[in-house]
Amino acid sequence: MAPTIVGVVDSVKMTVLSLAPSISVTLIVAGAIVYGLAHTQPAENRGRWQTLAVGMVIGGIIIAAIWGAADIIFKTSATLLT
């Protein structure tokens, strides 16, 4: 039997709920470490390292926001797709 669209959305929700916290924390911690290491670099490289670090931290925050809203996203998409 072919999976329904609601089943697929539910499996995506479960994957997000199980992986997102660890990915989010990892990105935030790695971003903080990279930001700290950026200060040991010469001035011409420091900006690139800081940009990478800020991007990692923002990515971790966005993943945490998606994780927090996963149930709401699932409920909304389940009603829209049926």
Protein backbone atom coordinates (compact mmCIF):
# COMPACT_ATOMS: atom_id res chain seq x y z
CA MET A 1 0.00 0.00 0.00
CA ALA A 2 1.38 3.42 -0.93
CA PRO A 3 2.03 5.82 1.93
CA THR A 4 -0.34 8.74 2.25
CA ILE A 5 0.87 12.32 2.25
CA VAL A 6 -0.10 12.66 5.92
CA GLY A 7 2.03 9.62 6.73
CA VAL A 8 4.99 11.14 4.92
CA VAL A 9 4.56 14.46 6.74
CA ASP A 10 4.30 12.59 10.05
CA SER A 11 7.54 10.72 9.38
CA VAL A 12 9.29 13.99 8.52
CA LYS A 13 7.97 15.46 11.78
CA MET A 14 9.31 12.53 13.78
CA THR A 15 12.71 12.84 12.10
CA VAL A 16 12.85 16.56 12.84
CA LEU A 17 11.82 16.01 16.45
CA SER A 18 14.50 13.39 16.99
CA LEU A 19 17.45 15.02 15.20
CA ALA A 20 16.90 18.75 15.55
CA PRO A 21 17.95 19.31 19.18
CA SER A 22 21.34 17.66 18.76
CA ILE A 23 22.02 19.39 15.44
CA SER A 24 20.98 22.76 16.87
CA VAL A 25 23.19 22.50 19.93
CA THR A 26 26.09 21.21 17.85
CA LEU A 27 25.85 24.13 15.43
CA ILE A 28 25.63 26.71 18.22
CA VAL A 29 28.59 25.27 20.13
CA ALA A 30 30.69 24.83 16.97
CA GLY A 31 29.84 28.39 15.94
CA ALA A 32 31.00 29.70 19.30
CA ILE A 33 34.26 27.77 19.03
CA VAL A 34 34.89 28.98 15.48
CA TYR A 35 34.10 32.56 16.55
CA GLY A 36 36.64 32.29 19.34
CA LEU A 37 39.24 30.81 17.00
CA ALA A 38 38.59 33.62 14.52
CA HIS A 39 40.29 36.03 16.88
CA THR A 40 43.53 34.10 16.52
CA GLN A 41 43.56 34.62 12.74
CA PRO A 42 45.15 37.51 10.89
CA ALA A 43 42.88 40.46 10.12
CA GLU A 44 42.37 39.51 6.46
CA ASN A 45 41.03 36.05 7.41
CA ARG A 46 39.17 36.99 10.59
CA GLY A 47 36.08 38.28 8.77
CA ARG A 48 35.58 35.03 6.88
CA TRP A 49 35.86 32.98 10.05
CA GLN A 50 33.47 35.26 11.94
CA THR A 51 30.97 35.14 9.08
CA LEU A 52 31.08 31.35 9.12
CA ALA A 53 30.63 31.29 12.91
CA VAL A 54 27.66 33.66 12.90
CA GLY A 55 26.07 31.63 10.10
CA MET A 56 26.45 28.47 12.18
CA VAL A 57 24.87 30.07 15.24
CA ILE A 58 21.97 31.49 13.22
CA GLY A 59 21.47 28.09 11.56
CA GLY A 60 21.30 26.46 14.99
CA ILE A 61 18.71 29.00 16.14
CA ILE A 62 16.60 28.46 13.00
CA ILE A 63 16.70 24.68 13.47
CA ALA A 64 15.64 25.13 17.11
CA ALA A 65 12.72 27.31 15.98
CA ILE A 66 11.61 24.70 13.44
CA TRP A 67 11.91 22.02 16.11
CA GLY A 68 9.73 24.06 18.45
CA ALA A 69 7.10 24.58 15.77
CA ALA A 70 7.14 21.04 14.34
CA ASP A 71 3.84 20.03 15.92
CA ILE A 72 2.08 23.18 14.69
CA ILE A 73 3.53 22.72 11.20
CA PHE A 74 2.39 19.08 11.17
CA LYS A 75 -1.15 19.87 12.30
CA THR A 76 -1.52 22.68 9.78
CA SER A 77 -0.11 20.68 6.87
CA ALA A 78 -2.19 17.62 7.75
CA THR A 79 -5.40 19.62 7.54
CA LEU A 80 -4.35 21.39 4.33
CA LEU A 81 -3.35 18.20 2.52
CA THR A 82 -6.40 16.08 3.29
